[in-house]
PDB file of all heavy atoms in Angstrom:
ATOM      1  N   GLY A   1     110.486 -66.275  35.855  1.00  0.00           N
ATOM      2  CA  GLY A   1     109.400 -67.219  36.027  1.00  0.00           C
ATOM      3  C   GLY A   1     108.042 -66.722  35.594  1.00  0.00           C
ATOM      4  O   GLY A   1     107.130 -67.550  35.352  1.00  0.00           O
ATOM      5  N   ASP A   2     107.813 -65.371  35.561  1.00  0.00           N
ATOM      6  CA  ASP A   2     106.561 -64.862  34.986  1.00  0.00           C
ATOM      7  C   ASP A   2     106.359 -65.362  33.608  1.00  0.00           C
ATOM      8  O   ASP A   2     107.240 -65.390  32.789  1.00  0.00           O
ATOM      9  CB  ASP A   2     106.563 -63.366  35.022  1.00  0.00           C
ATOM     10  CG  ASP A   2     106.510 -62.754  36.475  1.00  0.00           C
ATOM     11  OD1 ASP A   2     106.204 -63.505  37.412  1.00  0.00           O
ATOM     12  OD2 ASP A   2     106.913 -61.499  36.567  1.00  0.00           O
ATOM     13  N   ILE A   3     105.087 -65.654  33.262  1.00  0.00           N
ATOM     14  CA  ILE A   3     104.804 -66.222  31.957  1.00  0.00           C
ATOM     15  C   ILE A   3     104.442 -65.053  31.018  1.00  0.00           C
ATOM     16  O   ILE A   3     103.512 -64.322  31.268  1.00  0.00           O
ATOM     17  CB  ILE A   3     103.649 -67.223  31.992  1.00  0.00           C
ATOM     18  CG1 ILE A   3     104.008 -68.379  33.015  1.00  0.00           C
ATOM     19  CG2 ILE A   3     103.287 -67.745  30.588  1.00  0.00           C
ATOM     20  CD1 ILE A   3     105.225 -69.133  32.584  1.00  0.00           C
ATOM     21  N   ILE A   4     105.171 -65.004  29.933  1.00  0.00           N
ATOM     22  CA  ILE A   4     105.037 -63.838  28.921  1.00  0.00           C
ATOM     23  C   ILE A   4     104.516 -64.442  27.634  1.00  0.00           C
ATOM     24  O   ILE A   4     105.011 -65.587  27.218  1.00  0.00           O
ATOM     25  CB  ILE A   4     106.343 -63.136  28.781  1.00  0.00           C
ATOM     26  CG1 ILE A   4     106.765 -62.362  29.991  1.00  0.00           C
ATOM     27  CG2 ILE A   4     106.301 -62.155  27.533  1.00  0.00           C
ATOM     28  CD1 ILE A   4     108.102 -61.770  29.943  1.00  0.00           C
ATOM     29  N   THR A   5     103.636 -63.816  27.001  1.00  0.00           N
ATOM     30  CA  THR A   5     103.109 -64.186  25.672  1.00  0.00           C
ATOM     31  C   THR A   5     103.336 -63.079  24.687  1.00  0.00           C
ATOM     32  O   THR A   5     102.937 -61.942  25.005  1.00  0.00           O
ATOM     33  CB  THR A   5     101.615 -64.624  25.707  1.00  0.00           C
ATOM     34  OG1 THR A   5     101.488 -65.681  26.505  1.00  0.00           O
ATOM     35  CG2 THR A   5     101.078 -64.908  24.316  1.00  0.00           C
ATOM     36  N   ILE A   6     103.964 -63.393  23.562  1.00  0.00           N
ATOM     37  CA  ILE A   6     104.128 -62.407  22.492  1.00  0.00           C
ATOM     38  C   ILE A   6     103.433 -63.011  21.287  1.00  0.00           C
ATOM     39  O   ILE A   6     103.694 -64.145  20.826  1.00  0.00           O
ATOM     40  CB  ILE A   6     105.733 -62.289  22.154  1.00  0.00           C
ATOM     41  CG1 ILE A   6     106.488 -61.998  23.348  1.00  0.00           C
ATOM     42  CG2 ILE A   6     105.869 -61.302  21.046  1.00  0.00           C
ATOM     43  CD1 ILE A   6     107.996 -62.251  23.186  1.00  0.00           C
ATOM     44  N   ASP A   7     102.536 -62.183  20.751  1.00  0.00           N
ATOM     45  CA  ASP A   7     101.682 -62.660  19.618  1.00  0.00           C
ATOM     46  C   ASP A   7     101.763 -61.598  18.551  1.00  0.00           C
ATOM     47  O   ASP A   7     101.059 -60.531  18.543  1.00  0.00           O
ATOM     48  CB  ASP A   7     100.191 -62.885  20.095  1.00  0.00           C
ATOM     49  CG  ASP A   7      99.375 -63.431  18.941  1.00  0.00           C
ATOM     50  OD1 ASP A   7      99.683 -63.322  17.753  1.00  0.00           O
ATOM     51  OD2 ASP A   7      98.385 -64.123  19.272  1.00  0.00           O
ATOM     52  N   ALA A   8     102.710 -61.817  17.617  1.00  0.00           N
ATOM     53  CA  ALA A   8     102.909 -60.810  16.553  1.00  0.00           C
ATOM     54  C   ALA A   8     101.800 -60.828  15.505  1.00  0.00           C
ATOM     55  O   ALA A   8     101.680 -59.813  14.787  1.00  0.00           O
ATOM     56  CB  ALA A   8     104.276 -61.002  15.896  1.00  0.00           C
ATOM     57  N   ILE A   9     101.038 -61.818  15.447  1.00  0.00           N
ATOM     58  CA  ILE A   9      99.930 -61.924  14.488  1.00  0.00           C
ATOM     59  C   ILE A   9      98.750 -61.009  15.036  1.00  0.00           C
ATOM     60  O   ILE A   9      98.226 -60.163  14.197  1.00  0.00           O
ATOM     61  CB  ILE A   9      99.423 -63.339  14.358  1.00  0.00           C
ATOM     62  CG1 ILE A   9     100.563 -64.171  13.742  1.00  0.00           C
ATOM     63  CG2 ILE A   9      98.133 -63.400  13.424  1.00  0.00           C
ATOM     64  CD1 ILE A   9     100.295 -65.628  13.613  1.00  0.00           C
ATOM     65  N   ARG A  10      98.500 -61.027  16.289  1.00  0.00           N
ATOM     66  CA  ARG A  10      97.478 -60.165  16.856  1.00  0.00           C
ATOM     67  C   ARG A  10      97.978 -58.850  17.371  1.00  0.00           C
ATOM     68  O   ARG A  10      97.267 -57.986  17.740  1.00  0.00           O
ATOM     69  CB  ARG A  10      96.766 -60.899  18.021  1.00  0.00           C
ATOM     70  CG  ARG A  10      96.110 -62.208  17.516  1.00  0.00           C
ATOM     71  CD  ARG A  10      95.511 -62.976  18.754  1.00  0.00           C
ATOM     72  NE  ARG A  10      94.454 -62.189  19.417  1.00  0.00           N
ATOM     73  CZ  ARG A  10      93.760 -62.753  20.406  1.00  0.00           C
ATOM     74  NH1 ARG A  10      94.066 -63.817  20.951  1.00  0.00           N
ATOM     75  NH2 ARG A  10      92.864 -61.940  21.019  1.00  0.00           N
ATOM     76  N   GLY A  11      99.341 -58.731  17.401  1.00  0.00           N
ATOM     77  CA  GLY A  11      99.929 -57.468  17.897  1.00  0.00           C
ATOM     78  C   GLY A  11      99.794 -57.235  19.401  1.00  0.00           C
ATOM     79  O   GLY A  11      99.648 -56.174  19.842  1.00  0.00           O
ATOM     80  N   GLU A  12     100.079 -58.356  20.111  1.00  0.00           N
ATOM     81  CA  GLU A  12      99.912 -58.270  21.546  1.00  0.00           C
ATOM     82  C   GLU A  12     101.174 -58.755  22.249  1.00  0.00           C
ATOM     83  O   GLU A  12     101.854 -59.597  21.838  1.00  0.00           O
ATOM     84  CB  GLU A  12      98.658 -59.109  22.009  1.00  0.00           C
ATOM     85  CG  GLU A  12      97.416 -58.615  21.443  1.00  0.00           C
ATOM     86  CD  GLU A  12      96.247 -59.523  21.852  1.00  0.00           C
ATOM     87  OE1 GLU A  12      96.441 -60.585  22.538  1.00  0.00           O
ATOM     88  OE2 GLU A  12      95.103 -59.272  21.487  1.00  0.00           O
ATOM     89  N   ILE A  13     101.482 -58.156  23.444  1.00  0.00           N
ATOM     90  CA  ILE A  13     102.500 -58.607  24.299  1.00  0.00           C
ATOM     91  C   ILE A  13     101.980 -58.479  25.745  1.00  0.00           C
ATOM     92  O   ILE A  13     101.594 -57.416  26.149  1.00  0.00           O
ATOM     93  CB  ILE A  13     103.833 -57.833  24.069  1.00  0.00           C
ATOM     94  CG1 ILE A  13     104.976 -58.388  25.045  1.00  0.00           C
ATOM     95  CG2 ILE A  13     103.665 -56.355  24.259  1.00  0.00           C
ATOM     96  CD1 ILE A  13     106.321 -57.866  24.650  1.00  0.00           C
ATOM     97  N   SER A  14     102.027 -59.581  26.520  1.00  0.00           N
ATOM     98  CA  SER A  14     101.378 -59.489  27.811  1.00  0.00           C
ATOM     99  C   SER A  14     102.133 -60.464  28.746  1.00  0.00           C
ATOM    100  O   SER A  14     102.863 -61.359  28.392  1.00  0.00           O
ATOM    101  CB  SER A  14      99.908 -59.971  27.766  1.00  0.00           C
ATOM    102  OG  SER A  14      99.831 -61.328  27.319  1.00  0.00           O
ATOM    103  N   VAL A  15     102.026 -60.214  30.072  1.00  0.00           N
ATOM    104  CA  VAL A  15     102.522 -61.063  31.083  1.00  0.00           C
ATOM    105  C   VAL A  15     101.240 -61.534  31.917  1.00  0.00           C
ATOM    106  O   VAL A  15     100.275 -60.803  32.189  1.00  0.00           O
ATOM    107  CB  VAL A  15     103.501 -60.251  32.104  1.00  0.00           C
ATOM    108  CG1 VAL A  15     102.837 -59.071  32.720  1.00  0.00           C
ATOM    109  CG2 VAL A  15     104.025 -61.235  33.166  1.00  0.00           C
ATOM    110  N   ASP A  16     101.302 -62.820  32.323  1.00  0.00           N
ATOM    111  CA  ASP A  16     100.157 -63.424  32.890  1.00  0.00           C
ATOM    112  C   ASP A  16     100.109 -63.050  34.360  1.00  0.00           C
ATOM    113  O   ASP A  16     100.306 -63.942  35.289  1.00  0.00           O
ATOM    114  CB  ASP A  16     100.263 -64.982  32.697  1.00  0.00           C
ATOM    115  CG  ASP A  16      98.972 -65.714  33.172  1.00  0.00           C
ATOM    116  OD1 ASP A  16      97.995 -64.983  33.431  1.00  0.00           O
ATOM    117  OD2 ASP A  16      99.079 -66.919  33.367  1.00  0.00           O
ATOM    118  N   LEU A  17      99.859 -61.841  34.629  1.00  0.00           N
ATOM    119  CA  LEU A  17      99.771 -61.346  35.943  1.00  0.00           C
ATOM    120  C   LEU A  17      98.469 -60.424  36.120  1.00  0.00           C
ATOM    121  O   LEU A  17      98.219 -59.721  35.186  1.00  0.00           O
ATOM    122  CB  LEU A  17     100.955 -60.476  36.384  1.00  0.00           C
ATOM    123  CG  LEU A  17     102.280 -61.213  36.541  1.00  0.00           C
ATOM    124  CD1 LEU A  17     103.423 -60.182  36.729  1.00  0.00           C
ATOM    125  CD2 LEU A  17     102.305 -62.235  37.612  1.00  0.00           C
ATOM    126  N   ALA A  18      97.794 -60.524  37.208  1.00  0.00           N
ATOM    127  CA  ALA A  18      96.595 -59.682  37.436  1.00  0.00           C
ATOM    128  C   ALA A  18      97.058 -58.281  37.626  1.00  0.00           C
ATOM    129  O   ALA A  18      98.206 -57.970  38.107  1.00  0.00           O
ATOM    130  CB  ALA A  18      95.885 -60.177  38.655  1.00  0.00           C
ATOM    131  N   ALA A  19      96.164 -57.319  37.286  1.00  0.00           N
ATOM    132  CA  ALA A  19      96.502 -55.918  37.469  1.00  0.00           C
ATOM    133  C   ALA A  19      96.842 -55.669  38.946  1.00  0.00           C
ATOM    134  O   ALA A  19      97.708 -54.790  39.277  1.00  0.00           O
ATOM    135  CB  ALA A  19      95.327 -55.064  37.058  1.00  0.00           C
ATOM    136  N   GLU A  20      96.179 -56.348  39.800  1.00  0.00           N
ATOM    137  CA  GLU A  20      96.423 -56.169  41.326  1.00  0.00           C
ATOM    138  C   GLU A  20      97.833 -56.546  41.653  1.00  0.00           C
ATOM    139  O   GLU A  20      98.486 -55.903  42.451  1.00  0.00           O
ATOM    140  CB  GLU A  20      95.386 -56.931  42.154  1.00  0.00           C
ATOM    141  CG  GLU A  20      94.021 -56.494  42.043  1.00  0.00           C
ATOM    142  CD  GLU A  20      93.307 -56.971  40.745  1.00  0.00           C
ATOM    143  OE1 GLU A  20      93.837 -57.785  40.138  1.00  0.00           O
ATOM    144  OE2 GLU A  20      92.193 -56.467  40.500  1.00  0.00           O
ATOM    145  N   THR A  21      98.273 -57.624  41.027  1.00  0.00           N
ATOM    146  CA  THR A  21      99.719 -58.063  41.354  1.00  0.00           C
ATOM    147  C   THR A  21     100.714 -57.106  40.836  1.00  0.00           C
ATOM    148  O   THR A  21     101.671 -56.777  41.504  1.00  0.00           O
ATOM    149  CB  THR A  21      99.923 -59.483  40.660  1.00  0.00           C
ATOM    150  OG1 THR A  21      98.947 -60.379  41.117  1.00  0.00           O
ATOM    151  CG2 THR A  21     101.305 -59.997  40.988  1.00  0.00           C
ATOM    152  N   LEU A  22     100.448 -56.549  39.645  1.00  0.00           N
ATOM    153  CA  LEU A  22     101.369 -55.568  39.093  1.00  0.00           C
ATOM    154  C   LEU A  22     101.331 -54.266  39.970  1.00  0.00           C
ATOM    155  O   LEU A  22     102.411 -53.673  40.261  1.00  0.00           O
ATOM    156  CB  LEU A  22     100.967 -55.155  37.695  1.00  0.00           C
ATOM    157  CG  LEU A  22     101.261 -56.171  36.595  1.00  0.00           C
ATOM    158  CD1 LEU A  22     100.653 -55.873  35.256  1.00  0.00           C
ATOM    159  CD2 LEU A  22     102.877 -56.293  36.464  1.00  0.00           C
ATOM    160  N   ASP A  23     100.170 -53.919  40.466  1.00  0.00           N
ATOM    161  CA  ASP A  23     100.088 -52.746  41.399  1.00  0.00           C
ATOM    162  C   ASP A  23     100.863 -52.981  42.685  1.00  0.00           C
ATOM    163  O   ASP A  23     101.541 -52.082  43.188  1.00  0.00           O
ATOM    164  CB  ASP A  23      98.632 -52.462  41.696  1.00  0.00           C
ATOM    165  CG  ASP A  23      97.840 -51.860  40.541  1.00  0.00           C
ATOM    166  OD1 ASP A  23      98.562 -51.403  39.553  1.00  0.00           O
ATOM    167  OD2 ASP A  23      96.654 -51.937  40.567  1.00  0.00           O
ATOM    168  N   GLU A  24     100.783 -54.182  43.214  1.00  0.00           N
ATOM    169  CA  GLU A  24     101.529 -54.483  44.431  1.00  0.00           C
ATOM    170  C   GLU A  24     103.013 -54.460  44.202  1.00  0.00           C
ATOM    171  O   GLU A  24     103.796 -53.914  45.025  1.00  0.00           O
ATOM    172  CB  GLU A  24     101.197 -55.949  44.923  1.00  0.00           C
ATOM    173  CG  GLU A  24      99.836 -56.068  45.474  1.00  0.00           C
ATOM    174  CD  GLU A  24      99.351 -57.470  45.819  1.00  0.00           C
ATOM    175  OE1 GLU A  24     100.285 -58.347  45.707  1.00  0.00           O
ATOM    176  OE2 GLU A  24      98.249 -57.755  46.085  1.00  0.00           O
ATOM    177  N   ARG A  25     103.499 -54.967  43.060  1.00  0.00           N
ATOM    178  CA  ARG A  25     104.890 -54.929  42.749  1.00  0.00           C
ATOM    179  C   ARG A  25     105.316 -53.436  42.504  1.00  0.00           C
ATOM    180  O   ARG A  25     106.471 -53.042  42.915  1.00  0.00           O
ATOM    181  CB  ARG A  25     105.200 -55.729  41.488  1.00  0.00           C
ATOM    182  CG  ARG A  25     105.104 -57.245  41.775  1.00  0.00           C
ATOM    183  CD  ARG A  25     105.552 -58.005  40.472  1.00  0.00           C
ATOM    184  NE  ARG A  25     105.364 -59.392  40.642  1.00  0.00           N
ATOM    185  CZ  ARG A  25     105.670 -60.317  39.748  1.00  0.00           C
ATOM    186  NH1 ARG A  25     106.198 -59.946  38.610  1.00  0.00           N
ATOM    187  NH2 ARG A  25     105.472 -61.669  39.990  1.00  0.00           N
ATOM    188  N   ARG A  26     104.487 -52.634  41.946  1.00  0.00           N
ATOM    189  CA  ARG A  26     104.843 -51.245  41.660  1.00  0.00           C
ATOM    190  C   ARG A  26     104.945 -50.486  42.988  1.00  0.00           C
ATOM    191  O   ARG A  26     105.843 -49.606  43.112  1.00  0.00           O
ATOM    192  CB  ARG A  26     103.747 -50.578  40.751  1.00  0.00           C
ATOM    193  CG  ARG A  26     104.121 -49.160  40.335  1.00  0.00           C
ATOM    194  CD  ARG A  26     103.155 -48.602  39.321  1.00  0.00           C
ATOM    195  NE  ARG A  26     103.409 -49.306  37.990  1.00  0.00           N
ATOM    196  CZ  ARG A  26     102.510 -50.155  37.418  1.00  0.00           C
ATOM    197  NH1 ARG A  26     101.392 -50.564  38.095  1.00  0.00           N
ATOM    198  NH2 ARG A  26     102.744 -50.682  36.304  1.00  0.00           N
ATOM    199  N   ALA A  27     104.186 -50.842  43.946  1.00  0.00           N
ATOM    200  CA  ALA A  27     104.213 -50.133  45.225  1.00  0.00           C
ATOM    201  C   ALA A  27     105.604 -50.454  45.880  1.00  0.00           C
ATOM    202  O   ALA A  27     106.092 -49.676  46.706  1.00  0.00           O
ATOM    203  CB  ALA A  27     103.073 -50.571  46.107  1.00  0.00           C
ATOM    204  N   GLY A  28     106.157 -51.662  45.592  1.00  0.00           N
ATOM    205  CA  GLY A  28     107.454 -52.018  46.192  1.00  0.00           C
ATOM    206  C   GLY A  28     108.618 -51.797  45.370  1.00  0.00           C
ATOM    207  O   GLY A  28     109.725 -52.023  45.748  1.00  0.00           O
ATOM    208  N   TRP A  29     108.429 -51.112  44.197  1.00  0.00           N
ATOM    209  CA  TRP A  29     109.526 -50.826  43.254  1.00  0.00           C
ATOM    210  C   TRP A  29     110.472 -49.829  43.944  1.00  0.00           C
ATOM    211  O   TRP A  29     110.002 -48.746  44.399  1.00  0.00           O
ATOM    212  CB  TRP A  29     108.956 -50.326  41.953  1.00  0.00           C
ATOM    213  CG  TRP A  29     110.011 -50.093  40.878  1.00  0.00           C
ATOM    214  CD1 TRP A  29     110.891 -50.964  40.444  1.00  0.00           C
ATOM    215  CD2 TRP A  29     110.157 -48.825  40.203  1.00  0.00           C
ATOM    216  NE1 TRP A  29     111.674 -50.290  39.388  1.00  0.00           N
ATOM    217  CE2 TRP A  29     111.224 -49.045  39.244  1.00  0.00           C
ATOM    218  CE3 TRP A  29     109.512 -47.587  40.194  1.00  0.00           C
ATOM    219  CZ2 TRP A  29     111.704 -48.042  38.412  1.00  0.00           C
ATOM    220  CZ3 TRP A  29     109.944 -46.620  39.336  1.00  0.00           C
ATOM    221  CH2 TRP A  29     111.026 -46.815  38.424  1.00  0.00           C
ATOM    222  N   LYS A  30     111.689 -50.010  43.806  1.00  0.00           N
ATOM    223  CA  LYS A  30     112.723 -49.117  44.475  1.00  0.00           C
ATOM    224  C   LYS A  30     113.150 -48.043  43.572  1.00  0.00           C
ATOM    225  O   LYS A  30     114.056 -47.235  44.010  1.00  0.00           O
ATOM    226  CB  LYS A  30     113.874 -49.942  44.900  1.00  0.00           C
ATOM    227  CG  LYS A  30     113.591 -51.050  45.940  1.00  0.00           C
ATOM    228  CD  LYS A  30     114.739 -51.810  46.326  1.00  0.00           C
ATOM    229  CE  LYS A  30     114.392 -52.894  47.440  1.00  0.00           C
ATOM    230  NZ  LYS A  30     115.590 -53.671  47.810  1.00  0.00           N
ATOM    231  N   GLY A  31     112.624 -47.855  42.373  1.00  0.00           N
ATOM    232  CA  GLY A  31     112.976 -46.753  41.530  1.00  0.00           C
ATOM    233  C   GLY A  31     114.030 -47.118  40.487  1.00  0.00           C
ATOM    234  O   GLY A  31     114.541 -48.248  40.431  1.00  0.00           O
ATOM    235  N   ALA A  32     114.335 -46.244  39.638  1.00  0.00           N
ATOM    236  CA  ALA A  32     115.220 -46.462  38.513  1.00  0.00           C
ATOM    237  C   ALA A  32     116.662 -46.966  39.045  1.00  0.00           C
ATOM    238  O   ALA A  32     117.131 -46.468  40.093  1.00  0.00           O
ATOM    239  CB  ALA A  32     115.459 -45.211  37.664  1.00  0.00           C
TER     240      ALA A  32
END
């Protein structure tokens, strides 16, 4: 459900999530 944008013209790939949200998810990541 996360919104992802791939722009090959500009050379960008991103997910529409704030850095804080990514940090929160990283803190809860269970590892490889």
